[in-house]
């Protein structure tokens, strides 16, 4: 009886097994929305994601990792505008080719969702940014034998805090480009086999 109790105690105290999940760049994007001319919104996205996350199946609050986006992929469905965004007035891709987000803390939210606190580095500036309403999906097996899951979340940034300050004033007041950027992140992850971690 004593040996059974000790065995149960040992199992209870063993750390939960975590898994490494690689970003699937073909199914990962950061979408954004920003005000234009005070009357409409411009929508776009940045892709070219790389990185991996360490996730504990039993406790998602232990999630850690870093995700990087390729800024040269910025796409607003207008070539002239995209070229302007890649230039010195905005992202300055030649000097700052990537945007990086490093997860620092994950806490439980409402309705099974989470809050993800981390550090966002963009155009050489690093600031604390929280992803809200983060959904971490259950795992599924894909048709090729891999294990996948996803996560998504939203946040809001002031672009000027990252040195994206270009603007022009309108004749009747107001500015051409708004300062507030609404962002939605959607990532698909593929579990890395244990043998591939070494």
N, C-alpha and C. Protein backbone atom coordinates (compact mmCIF):
# COMPACT_ATOMS: atom_id res chain seq x y z
N UNK A 1 0.83 -1.20 0.00
CA UNK A 1 0.00 0.00 0.00
C UNK A 1 0.87 1.26 0.00
N UNK A 2 1.93 1.18 0.79
CA UNK A 2 2.84 2.31 0.88
C UNK A 2 3.51 2.58 -0.46
N UNK A 3 3.89 1.50 -1.16
CA UNK A 3 4.57 1.67 -2.45
C UNK A 3 3.64 2.28 -3.49
N UNK A 4 2.35 1.91 -3.44
CA UNK A 4 1.37 2.49 -4.36
C UNK A 4 1.22 3.98 -4.10
N UNK A 5 1.16 4.34 -2.82
CA UNK A 5 1.03 5.75 -2.45
C UNK A 5 2.23 6.56 -2.94
N UNK A 6 3.44 6.00 -2.77
CA UNK A 6 4.65 6.69 -3.20
C UNK A 6 4.67 6.86 -4.71
N UNK A 7 4.20 5.84 -5.44
CA UNK A 7 4.15 5.92 -6.89
C UNK A 7 3.20 7.01 -7.35
N UNK A 8 2.03 7.09 -6.69
CA UNK A 8 1.05 8.13 -7.01
C UNK A 8 1.62 9.50 -6.73
N UNK A 9 2.33 9.61 -5.61
CA UNK A 9 2.93 10.89 -5.24
C UNK A 9 3.98 11.31 -6.24
N UNK A 10 4.78 10.37 -6.73
CA UNK A 10 5.82 10.66 -7.71
C UNK A 10 5.21 11.16 -9.01
N UNK A 11 4.15 10.50 -9.49
CA UNK A 11 3.49 10.92 -10.72
C UNK A 11 2.91 12.31 -10.56
N UNK A 12 2.34 12.59 -9.40
CA UNK A 12 1.71 13.89 -9.16
C UNK A 12 2.73 15.01 -9.17
N UNK A 13 3.98 14.70 -8.78
CA UNK A 13 4.99 15.75 -8.69
C UNK A 13 5.85 15.87 -9.94
N UNK A 14 5.66 14.96 -10.90
CA UNK A 14 6.43 15.06 -12.14
C UNK A 14 6.01 16.29 -12.93
N UNK A 15 6.95 17.00 -13.55
CA UNK A 15 6.59 18.17 -14.34
C UNK A 15 5.80 17.77 -15.58
N UNK A 16 4.88 18.63 -15.99
CA UNK A 16 4.09 18.37 -17.21
C UNK A 16 5.02 18.40 -18.42
N UNK A 17 4.75 17.56 -19.37
CA UNK A 17 5.58 17.48 -20.57
C UNK A 17 5.23 18.61 -21.52
N UNK A 18 6.22 19.38 -21.92
CA UNK A 18 5.99 20.46 -22.87
C UNK A 18 6.42 20.00 -24.26
N UNK A 19 5.89 20.68 -25.27
CA UNK A 19 6.21 20.34 -26.65
C UNK A 19 6.64 21.60 -27.38
N UNK A 20 7.47 21.42 -28.39
CA UNK A 20 7.90 22.54 -29.23
C UNK A 20 7.02 22.59 -30.47
N UNK A 21 6.52 23.79 -30.77
CA UNK A 21 5.63 23.99 -31.92
C UNK A 21 6.25 25.02 -32.85
N UNK A 22 6.50 24.61 -34.09
CA UNK A 22 7.07 25.52 -35.09
C UNK A 22 5.96 26.29 -35.81
N UNK A 23 6.25 27.54 -36.12
CA UNK A 23 5.32 28.37 -36.87
C UNK A 23 5.21 27.88 -38.32
N UNK A 24 3.99 27.70 -38.79
CA UNK A 24 3.75 27.38 -40.20
C UNK A 24 3.54 28.70 -40.93
N UNK A 25 4.58 29.16 -41.64
CA UNK A 25 4.52 30.49 -42.26
C UNK A 25 3.44 30.61 -43.33
N UNK A 26 3.06 29.49 -43.93
CA UNK A 26 2.04 29.54 -44.98
C UNK A 26 0.65 29.81 -44.42
N UNK A 27 0.49 29.62 -43.11
CA UNK A 27 -0.82 29.80 -42.49
C UNK A 27 -0.75 30.71 -41.26
N UNK A 28 0.17 31.67 -41.31
CA UNK A 28 0.34 32.61 -40.21
C UNK A 28 0.42 34.02 -40.76
N UNK A 29 -0.31 34.95 -40.14
CA UNK A 29 -0.31 36.33 -40.62
C UNK A 29 -0.64 37.30 -39.50
N UNK A 30 -0.18 38.53 -39.66
CA UNK A 30 -0.57 39.63 -38.78
C UNK A 30 -1.33 40.64 -39.64
N UNK A 31 -2.63 40.74 -39.42
CA UNK A 31 -3.46 41.68 -40.17
C UNK A 31 -3.56 43.00 -39.40
N UNK A 32 -3.64 44.09 -40.15
CA UNK A 32 -3.75 45.39 -39.48
C UNK A 32 -4.78 46.28 -40.16
N UNK A 33 -5.27 47.25 -39.39
CA UNK A 33 -6.24 48.23 -39.88
C UNK A 33 -5.86 49.59 -39.34
N UNK A 34 -5.88 50.61 -40.22
CA UNK A 34 -5.53 51.97 -39.81
C UNK A 34 -6.40 52.98 -40.54
N UNK A 35 -6.70 54.07 -39.88
CA UNK A 35 -7.57 55.09 -40.46
C UNK A 35 -6.86 55.86 -41.57
N UNK A 36 -7.62 56.19 -42.64
CA UNK A 36 -7.06 56.94 -43.77
C UNK A 36 -7.96 58.13 -44.10
N UNK A 37 -7.36 59.33 -44.14
CA UNK A 37 -8.08 60.57 -44.49
C UNK A 37 -9.27 60.85 -43.56
N UNK A 38 -9.24 60.26 -42.39
CA UNK A 38 -10.28 60.50 -41.37
C UNK A 38 -11.64 59.89 -41.74
N UNK A 39 -11.75 59.24 -42.88
CA UNK A 39 -13.07 58.80 -43.33
C UNK A 39 -13.16 57.30 -43.65
N UNK A 40 -12.03 56.62 -43.82
CA UNK A 40 -12.08 55.20 -44.19
C UNK A 40 -10.92 54.47 -43.52
N UNK A 41 -10.86 53.16 -43.73
CA UNK A 41 -9.80 52.34 -43.17
C UNK A 41 -8.99 51.67 -44.28
N UNK A 42 -7.71 51.53 -44.05
CA UNK A 42 -6.84 50.75 -44.93
C UNK A 42 -6.51 49.45 -44.19
N UNK A 43 -6.62 48.34 -44.91
CA UNK A 43 -6.33 47.03 -44.34
C UNK A 43 -5.09 46.44 -45.00
N UNK A 44 -4.33 45.71 -44.23
CA UNK A 44 -3.15 45.07 -44.79
C UNK A 44 -2.70 43.90 -43.94
N UNK A 45 -1.61 43.27 -44.36
CA UNK A 45 -1.09 42.15 -43.59
C UNK A 45 0.41 42.02 -43.79
N UNK A 46 1.06 41.39 -42.81
CA UNK A 46 2.48 41.08 -42.88
C UNK A 46 2.61 39.59 -42.62
N UNK A 47 3.38 38.89 -43.46
CA UNK A 47 3.53 37.44 -43.34
C UNK A 47 5.02 37.09 -43.19
N UNK A 48 5.43 35.96 -43.77
CA UNK A 48 6.83 35.54 -43.66
C UNK A 48 7.22 35.24 -42.23
N UNK A 49 6.33 34.55 -41.49
CA UNK A 49 6.56 34.28 -40.07
C UNK A 49 7.55 33.14 -39.85
N UNK A 50 8.38 33.30 -38.82
CA UNK A 50 9.30 32.25 -38.39
C UNK A 50 9.31 32.22 -36.87
N UNK A 51 9.73 31.08 -36.32
CA UNK A 51 9.86 30.97 -34.87
C UNK A 51 9.22 29.72 -34.33
N UNK A 52 9.28 29.56 -33.02
CA UNK A 52 8.70 28.39 -32.37
C UNK A 52 8.24 28.75 -30.97
N UNK A 53 7.31 27.96 -30.45
CA UNK A 53 6.78 28.14 -29.11
C UNK A 53 6.94 26.86 -28.31
N UNK A 54 7.22 27.01 -27.02
CA UNK A 54 7.20 25.89 -26.09
C UNK A 54 5.87 25.96 -25.36
N UNK A 55 5.07 24.89 -25.46
CA UNK A 55 3.74 24.91 -24.87
C UNK A 55 3.52 23.67 -24.01
N UNK A 56 2.91 23.89 -22.86
CA UNK A 56 2.54 22.82 -21.95
C UNK A 56 1.07 22.51 -22.18
N UNK A 57 0.77 21.29 -22.58
CA UNK A 57 -0.60 20.91 -22.91
C UNK A 57 -1.55 21.12 -21.74
N UNK A 58 -1.08 20.87 -20.54
CA UNK A 58 -1.94 20.98 -19.36
C UNK A 58 -2.00 22.39 -18.79
N UNK A 59 -1.04 23.21 -19.15
CA UNK A 59 -0.99 24.56 -18.58
C UNK A 59 -0.46 25.56 -19.61
N UNK A 60 -1.34 26.09 -20.47
CA UNK A 60 -0.92 27.05 -21.51
C UNK A 60 -0.28 28.32 -20.95
N UNK A 61 -0.47 28.61 -19.66
CA UNK A 61 0.14 29.82 -19.09
C UNK A 61 1.67 29.70 -19.05
N UNK A 62 2.20 28.52 -19.28
CA UNK A 62 3.65 28.32 -19.28
C UNK A 62 4.25 28.49 -20.68
N UNK A 63 3.43 28.94 -21.63
CA UNK A 63 3.90 29.11 -23.01
C UNK A 63 5.00 30.16 -23.11
N UNK A 64 6.04 29.85 -23.86
CA UNK A 64 7.12 30.80 -24.14
C UNK A 64 7.47 30.70 -25.63
N UNK A 65 8.20 31.68 -26.12
CA UNK A 65 8.65 31.60 -27.50
C UNK A 65 8.78 32.96 -28.16
N UNK A 66 9.26 32.94 -29.40
CA UNK A 66 9.48 34.16 -30.17
C UNK A 66 8.99 33.95 -31.60
N UNK A 67 8.31 34.95 -32.12
CA UNK A 67 7.82 34.92 -33.50
C UNK A 67 8.37 36.13 -34.24
N UNK A 68 8.85 35.92 -35.47
CA UNK A 68 9.41 36.99 -36.29
C UNK A 68 8.64 37.09 -37.60
N UNK A 69 8.32 38.32 -38.01
CA UNK A 69 7.64 38.57 -39.27
C UNK A 69 8.57 39.29 -40.24
N UNK A 70 8.45 38.96 -41.52
CA UNK A 70 9.26 39.57 -42.58
C UNK A 70 8.53 40.82 -43.07
N UNK A 71 9.05 42.01 -42.73
CA UNK A 71 8.36 43.25 -43.05
C UNK A 71 8.28 43.51 -44.55
N UNK A 72 9.17 42.91 -45.32
CA UNK A 72 9.13 43.12 -46.77
C UNK A 72 7.88 42.50 -47.40
N UNK A 73 7.15 41.70 -46.64
CA UNK A 73 5.93 41.08 -47.16
C UNK A 73 4.70 41.95 -46.95
N UNK A 74 4.85 43.13 -46.38
CA UNK A 74 3.68 43.98 -46.10
C UNK A 74 2.86 44.17 -47.38
N UNK A 75 1.56 43.99 -47.26
CA UNK A 75 0.70 44.00 -48.44
C UNK A 75 -0.63 44.66 -48.10
N UNK A 76 -0.93 45.77 -48.78
CA UNK A 76 -2.20 46.47 -48.60
C UNK A 76 -3.01 46.48 -49.90
N UNK A 77 -2.64 45.63 -50.83
CA UNK A 77 -3.30 45.53 -52.14
C UNK A 77 -3.13 46.76 -53.00
N UNK A 78 -2.02 47.51 -52.76
CA UNK A 78 -1.70 48.68 -53.57
C UNK A 78 -0.18 48.79 -53.63
N UNK A 79 0.41 48.57 -54.80
CA UNK A 79 1.86 48.51 -54.92
C UNK A 79 2.55 49.83 -54.52
N UNK A 80 1.97 50.96 -54.92
CA UNK A 80 2.57 52.25 -54.59
C UNK A 80 2.57 52.49 -53.09
N UNK A 81 1.45 52.17 -52.46
CA UNK A 81 1.36 52.35 -51.00
C UNK A 81 2.30 51.38 -50.28
N UNK A 82 2.38 50.15 -50.78
CA UNK A 82 3.27 49.17 -50.14
C UNK A 82 4.73 49.61 -50.24
N UNK A 83 5.10 50.18 -51.38
CA UNK A 83 6.47 50.67 -51.55
C UNK A 83 6.76 51.80 -50.56
N UNK A 84 5.76 52.66 -50.35
CA UNK A 84 5.92 53.76 -49.38
C UNK A 84 6.08 53.20 -47.97
N UNK A 85 5.30 52.19 -47.63
CA UNK A 85 5.38 51.59 -46.30
C UNK A 85 6.75 50.95 -46.06
N UNK A 86 7.35 50.39 -47.09
CA UNK A 86 8.64 49.73 -46.95
C UNK A 86 9.80 50.73 -46.88
N UNK A 87 9.54 51.98 -47.26
CA UNK A 87 10.58 53.00 -47.29
C UNK A 87 10.86 53.66 -45.95
N UNK A 88 11.72 54.68 -45.98
CA UNK A 88 12.19 55.34 -44.76
C UNK A 88 11.07 56.04 -43.99
N UNK A 89 10.00 56.47 -44.67
CA UNK A 89 8.91 57.16 -43.97
C UNK A 89 8.19 56.25 -42.97
N UNK A 90 8.23 54.94 -43.23
CA UNK A 90 7.52 54.01 -42.36
C UNK A 90 8.46 52.93 -41.83
N UNK A 91 8.40 51.71 -42.37
CA UNK A 91 9.15 50.60 -41.79
C UNK A 91 10.65 50.63 -42.05
N UNK A 92 11.07 51.27 -43.13
CA UNK A 92 12.50 51.31 -43.50
C UNK A 92 13.07 49.89 -43.53
N UNK A 93 12.51 49.08 -44.41
CA UNK A 93 12.83 47.66 -44.48
C UNK A 93 14.32 47.39 -44.70
N UNK A 94 14.99 48.25 -45.42
CA UNK A 94 16.41 48.03 -45.70
C UNK A 94 17.23 47.97 -44.41
N UNK A 95 16.83 48.73 -43.41
CA UNK A 95 17.55 48.75 -42.13
C UNK A 95 16.87 47.91 -41.06
N UNK A 96 15.56 47.69 -41.22
CA UNK A 96 14.79 46.97 -40.20
C UNK A 96 13.90 45.92 -40.88
N UNK A 97 14.50 44.81 -41.28
CA UNK A 97 13.77 43.83 -42.11
C UNK A 97 12.74 42.98 -41.38
N UNK A 98 12.71 43.03 -40.05
CA UNK A 98 11.80 42.13 -39.35
C UNK A 98 11.13 42.80 -38.16
N UNK A 99 10.01 42.22 -37.76
CA UNK A 99 9.30 42.57 -36.53
C UNK A 99 9.32 41.33 -35.65
N UNK A 100 9.66 41.48 -34.37
CA UNK A 100 9.80 40.33 -33.48
C UNK A 100 8.93 40.50 -32.24
N UNK A 101 8.26 39.42 -31.87
CA UNK A 101 7.47 39.41 -30.64
C UNK A 101 7.93 38.25 -29.77
N UNK A 102 8.34 38.55 -28.54
CA UNK A 102 8.80 37.54 -27.59
C UNK A 102 7.82 37.44 -26.43
N UNK A 103 7.28 36.26 -26.22
CA UNK A 103 6.30 36.04 -25.16
C UNK A 103 7.00 36.02 -23.80
N UNK A 104 6.48 36.81 -22.86
CA UNK A 104 7.05 36.88 -21.52
C UNK A 104 6.15 36.29 -20.45
N UNK A 105 4.83 36.40 -20.65
CA UNK A 105 3.90 35.93 -19.63
C UNK A 105 2.55 35.65 -20.26
N UNK A 106 1.90 34.57 -19.82
CA UNK A 106 0.56 34.23 -20.29
C UNK A 106 -0.33 34.01 -19.07
N UNK A 107 -1.49 34.65 -19.06
CA UNK A 107 -2.42 34.51 -17.95
C UNK A 107 -3.80 34.14 -18.47
N UNK A 108 -4.57 33.47 -17.63
CA UNK A 108 -5.91 33.05 -18.02
C UNK A 108 -6.85 34.25 -18.08
N UNK A 109 -7.73 34.24 -19.09
CA UNK A 109 -8.74 35.27 -19.22
C UNK A 109 -10.13 34.66 -19.07
N UNK A 110 -11.10 35.26 -19.72
CA UNK A 110 -12.48 34.78 -19.63
C UNK A 110 -12.80 33.85 -20.81
N UNK A 111 -13.80 32.99 -20.58
CA UNK A 111 -14.33 32.11 -21.63
C UNK A 111 -13.25 31.25 -22.29
N UNK A 112 -12.30 30.78 -21.48
CA UNK A 112 -11.28 29.89 -21.99
C UNK A 112 -10.18 30.56 -22.79
N UNK A 113 -10.15 31.88 -22.78
CA UNK A 113 -9.12 32.61 -23.52
C UNK A 113 -8.03 33.10 -22.58
N UNK A 114 -6.98 33.70 -23.17
CA UNK A 114 -5.80 34.09 -22.41
C UNK A 114 -5.36 35.51 -22.77
N UNK A 115 -4.48 36.03 -21.93
CA UNK A 115 -3.79 37.29 -22.22
C UNK A 115 -2.30 36.97 -22.33
N UNK A 116 -1.68 37.45 -23.39
CA UNK A 116 -0.28 37.15 -23.65
C UNK A 116 0.52 38.45 -23.59
N UNK A 117 1.40 38.57 -22.60
CA UNK A 117 2.26 39.74 -22.47
C UNK A 117 3.63 39.43 -23.07
N UNK A 118 4.17 40.41 -23.79
CA UNK A 118 5.48 40.18 -24.39
C UNK A 118 6.14 41.48 -24.80
N UNK A 119 7.23 41.35 -25.51
CA UNK A 119 7.99 42.50 -26.00
C UNK A 119 7.98 42.50 -27.53
N UNK A 120 7.54 43.62 -28.09
CA UNK A 120 7.49 43.79 -29.54
C UNK A 120 8.62 44.71 -29.98
N UNK A 121 9.42 44.23 -30.92
CA UNK A 121 10.50 45.04 -31.48
C UNK A 121 10.18 45.36 -32.93
N UNK A 122 10.07 46.66 -33.23
CA UNK A 122 9.75 47.11 -34.57
C UNK A 122 10.52 48.40 -34.86
N UNK A 123 11.19 48.43 -35.98
CA UNK A 123 12.01 49.57 -36.40
C UNK A 123 12.99 49.99 -35.31
N UNK A 124 13.59 48.98 -34.67
CA UNK A 124 14.62 49.23 -33.67
C UNK A 124 14.11 49.65 -32.30
N UNK A 125 12.79 49.67 -32.12
CA UNK A 125 12.20 50.08 -30.84
C UNK A 125 11.53 48.86 -30.21
N UNK A 126 11.80 48.63 -28.93
CA UNK A 126 11.20 47.52 -28.21
C UNK A 126 10.29 48.05 -27.10
N UNK A 127 9.03 47.57 -27.10
CA UNK A 127 8.07 47.98 -26.08
C UNK A 127 7.23 46.79 -25.63
N UNK A 128 6.70 46.89 -24.42
CA UNK A 128 5.83 45.84 -23.91
C UNK A 128 4.47 45.93 -24.60
N UNK A 129 3.99 44.79 -25.10
CA UNK A 129 2.71 44.74 -25.81
C UNK A 129 1.95 43.49 -25.35
N UNK A 130 0.66 43.67 -25.12
CA UNK A 130 -0.18 42.54 -24.72
C UNK A 130 -1.10 42.13 -25.86
N UNK A 131 -1.17 40.82 -26.10
CA UNK A 131 -2.17 40.28 -27.01
C UNK A 131 -3.38 39.88 -26.17
N UNK A 132 -4.55 40.34 -26.57
CA UNK A 132 -5.77 40.10 -25.80
C UNK A 132 -6.66 39.07 -26.50
N UNK A 133 -7.58 38.50 -25.74
CA UNK A 133 -8.52 37.50 -26.27
C UNK A 133 -7.78 36.41 -27.04
N UNK A 134 -6.68 35.95 -26.47
CA UNK A 134 -5.87 34.92 -27.12
C UNK A 134 -6.58 33.57 -27.03
N UNK A 135 -6.76 32.95 -28.18
CA UNK A 135 -7.35 31.62 -28.25
C UNK A 135 -6.27 30.62 -28.63
N UNK A 136 -6.11 29.59 -27.80
CA UNK A 136 -5.18 28.49 -28.10
C UNK A 136 -6.03 27.27 -28.38
N UNK A 137 -6.00 26.80 -29.62
CA UNK A 137 -6.92 25.74 -30.03
C UNK A 137 -6.43 24.36 -29.58
N UNK A 138 -7.34 23.40 -29.48
CA UNK A 138 -6.92 22.02 -29.23
C UNK A 138 -6.10 21.50 -30.42
N UNK A 139 -5.40 20.41 -30.22
CA UNK A 139 -4.58 19.84 -31.29
C UNK A 139 -5.43 19.02 -32.25
N UNK A 140 -4.96 18.95 -33.50
CA UNK A 140 -5.57 18.09 -34.51
C UNK A 140 -4.46 17.39 -35.29
N UNK A 141 -4.80 16.26 -35.88
CA UNK A 141 -3.84 15.54 -36.73
C UNK A 141 -4.13 15.90 -38.17
N UNK A 142 -3.10 16.39 -38.89
CA UNK A 142 -3.30 16.78 -40.27
C UNK A 142 -3.23 15.56 -41.19
N UNK A 143 -3.60 15.70 -42.46
CA UNK A 143 -3.61 14.55 -43.39
C UNK A 143 -2.25 13.93 -43.65
N UNK A 144 -1.17 14.59 -43.24
CA UNK A 144 0.18 14.10 -43.50
C UNK A 144 0.83 13.51 -42.24
N UNK A 145 0.04 13.35 -41.19
CA UNK A 145 0.55 12.71 -39.99
C UNK A 145 1.10 13.64 -38.94
N UNK A 146 1.11 14.94 -39.23
CA UNK A 146 1.61 15.91 -38.26
C UNK A 146 0.53 16.31 -37.27
N UNK A 147 0.95 16.90 -36.15
CA UNK A 147 0.03 17.41 -35.14
C UNK A 147 0.06 18.93 -35.19
N UNK A 148 -1.11 19.52 -35.26
CA UNK A 148 -1.19 20.99 -35.39
C UNK A 148 -2.15 21.60 -34.37
N UNK A 149 -1.93 22.88 -34.14
CA UNK A 149 -2.84 23.68 -33.33
C UNK A 149 -2.65 25.14 -33.75
N UNK A 150 -3.46 26.02 -33.21
CA UNK A 150 -3.33 27.42 -33.58
C UNK A 150 -3.49 28.34 -32.39
N UNK A 151 -3.08 29.58 -32.58
CA UNK A 151 -3.41 30.60 -31.59
C UNK A 151 -3.68 31.91 -32.32
N UNK A 152 -4.53 32.71 -31.74
CA UNK A 152 -4.85 34.01 -32.31
C UNK A 152 -5.06 35.02 -31.20
N UNK A 153 -4.92 36.31 -31.52
CA UNK A 153 -5.11 37.36 -30.53
C UNK A 153 -5.14 38.72 -31.19
N UNK A 154 -5.50 39.72 -30.44
CA UNK A 154 -5.60 41.08 -30.96
C UNK A 154 -4.85 42.06 -30.05
N UNK A 155 -4.46 43.18 -30.64
CA UNK A 155 -3.85 44.25 -29.87
C UNK A 155 -4.00 45.56 -30.62
N UNK A 156 -3.67 46.66 -29.97
CA UNK A 156 -3.72 47.99 -30.58
C UNK A 156 -2.42 48.71 -30.27
N UNK A 157 -1.84 49.34 -31.30
CA UNK A 157 -0.57 50.06 -31.13
C UNK A 157 -0.71 51.50 -31.60
N UNK A 158 0.16 52.34 -31.06
CA UNK A 158 0.36 53.69 -31.60
C UNK A 158 1.62 53.64 -32.46
N UNK A 159 1.47 53.79 -33.76
CA UNK A 159 2.60 53.62 -34.68
C UNK A 159 3.74 54.60 -34.40
N UNK A 160 3.41 55.79 -33.89
CA UNK A 160 4.44 56.81 -33.65
C UNK A 160 5.42 56.37 -32.56
N UNK A 161 4.96 55.50 -31.65
CA UNK A 161 5.85 55.03 -30.59
C UNK A 161 6.97 54.16 -31.14
N UNK A 162 6.81 53.70 -32.39
CA UNK A 162 7.84 52.87 -33.03
C UNK A 162 8.55 53.61 -34.16
N UNK A 163 8.42 54.91 -34.18
CA UNK A 163 9.14 55.70 -35.17
C UNK A 163 8.49 55.76 -36.53
N UNK A 164 7.25 55.29 -36.65
CA UNK A 164 6.52 55.38 -37.92
C UNK A 164 5.70 56.66 -37.87
N UNK A 165 6.36 57.79 -38.10
CA UNK A 165 5.76 59.08 -37.79
C UNK A 165 5.26 59.86 -39.01
N UNK A 166 5.49 59.37 -40.22
CA UNK A 166 5.11 60.14 -41.41
C UNK A 166 3.62 60.46 -41.40
N UNK A 167 3.32 61.72 -41.82
CA UNK A 167 1.92 62.13 -41.95
C UNK A 167 1.84 63.44 -42.73
N UNK A 168 0.63 63.81 -43.13
CA UNK A 168 0.36 65.10 -43.74
C UNK A 168 -0.98 65.61 -43.22
N UNK A 169 -1.01 66.92 -43.02
CA UNK A 169 -2.24 67.52 -42.50
C UNK A 169 -3.21 67.83 -43.64
N UNK A 170 -4.48 67.58 -43.38
CA UNK A 170 -5.52 67.88 -44.35
C UNK A 170 -5.92 69.34 -44.28
N UNK A 171 -6.38 69.88 -45.40
CA UNK A 171 -6.76 71.29 -45.45
C UNK A 171 -7.84 71.63 -44.44
N UNK A 172 -8.78 70.72 -44.26
CA UNK A 172 -9.89 70.98 -43.34
C UNK A 172 -9.62 70.53 -41.92
N UNK A 173 -8.39 70.18 -41.61
CA UNK A 173 -8.05 69.65 -40.29
C UNK A 173 -7.93 68.15 -40.32
N UNK A 174 -7.26 67.60 -39.35
CA UNK A 174 -7.04 66.16 -39.33
C UNK A 174 -5.81 65.77 -40.13
N UNK A 175 -5.51 64.48 -40.15
CA UNK A 175 -4.31 63.98 -40.79
C UNK A 175 -4.64 62.89 -41.81
N UNK A 176 -3.69 62.67 -42.73
CA UNK A 176 -3.88 61.67 -43.77
C UNK A 176 -3.94 60.26 -43.16
N UNK A 177 -3.02 59.97 -42.24
CA UNK A 177 -2.93 58.62 -41.66
C UNK A 177 -3.19 58.69 -40.16
N UNK A 178 -4.01 57.79 -39.65
CA UNK A 178 -4.27 57.73 -38.21
C UNK A 178 -3.06 57.20 -37.45
N UNK A 179 -3.04 57.43 -36.16
CA UNK A 179 -1.94 56.95 -35.33
C UNK A 179 -2.19 55.55 -34.78
N UNK A 180 -3.44 55.21 -34.56
CA UNK A 180 -3.80 53.94 -33.93
C UNK A 180 -3.89 52.82 -34.96
N UNK A 181 -3.23 51.71 -34.68
CA UNK A 181 -3.24 50.55 -35.57
C UNK A 181 -3.86 49.38 -34.82
N UNK A 182 -4.92 48.82 -35.38
CA UNK A 182 -5.55 47.63 -34.80
C UNK A 182 -4.95 46.39 -35.47
N UNK A 183 -4.55 45.42 -34.66
CA UNK A 183 -3.83 44.26 -35.18
C UNK A 183 -4.50 42.96 -34.73
N UNK A 184 -4.59 42.03 -35.65
CA UNK A 184 -5.08 40.69 -35.35
C UNK A 184 -4.04 39.68 -35.82
N UNK A 185 -3.59 38.85 -34.91
CA UNK A 185 -2.58 37.84 -35.22
C UNK A 185 -3.24 36.46 -35.26
N UNK A 186 -2.95 35.70 -36.29
CA UNK A 186 -3.46 34.33 -36.40
C UNK A 186 -2.31 33.43 -36.82
N UNK A 187 -1.98 32.44 -35.99
CA UNK A 187 -0.84 31.57 -36.27
C UNK A 187 -1.24 30.11 -36.24
N UNK A 188 -0.67 29.34 -37.16
CA UNK A 188 -0.85 27.89 -37.15
C UNK A 188 0.49 27.27 -36.78
N UNK A 189 0.45 26.30 -35.88
CA UNK A 189 1.66 25.70 -35.34
C UNK A 189 1.69 24.21 -35.64
N UNK A 190 2.88 23.71 -35.90
CA UNK A 190 3.07 22.27 -36.12
C UNK A 190 4.04 21.74 -35.08
N UNK A 191 3.62 20.67 -34.41
CA UNK A 191 4.46 20.10 -33.36
C UNK A 191 5.74 19.51 -33.94
N UNK A 192 6.85 19.87 -33.31
CA UNK A 192 8.14 19.32 -33.74
C UNK A 192 8.36 17.97 -33.06
N UNK A 193 8.61 16.92 -33.84
CA UNK A 193 8.86 15.60 -33.24
C UNK A 193 9.99 15.66 -32.23
N UNK A 194 9.90 14.88 -31.17
CA UNK A 194 10.90 14.91 -30.11
C UNK A 194 12.30 14.67 -30.64
N UNK A 195 12.46 13.78 -31.61
CA UNK A 195 13.78 13.46 -32.16
C UNK A 195 14.38 14.63 -32.91
N UNK A 196 13.52 15.56 -33.41
CA UNK A 196 14.00 16.69 -34.19
C UNK A 196 14.45 17.85 -33.33
N UNK A 197 14.23 17.77 -32.02
CA UNK A 197 14.59 18.88 -31.14
C UNK A 197 16.08 18.95 -30.88
N UNK A 198 16.76 17.80 -31.00
CA UNK A 198 18.19 17.76 -30.69
C UNK A 198 19.04 18.20 -31.87
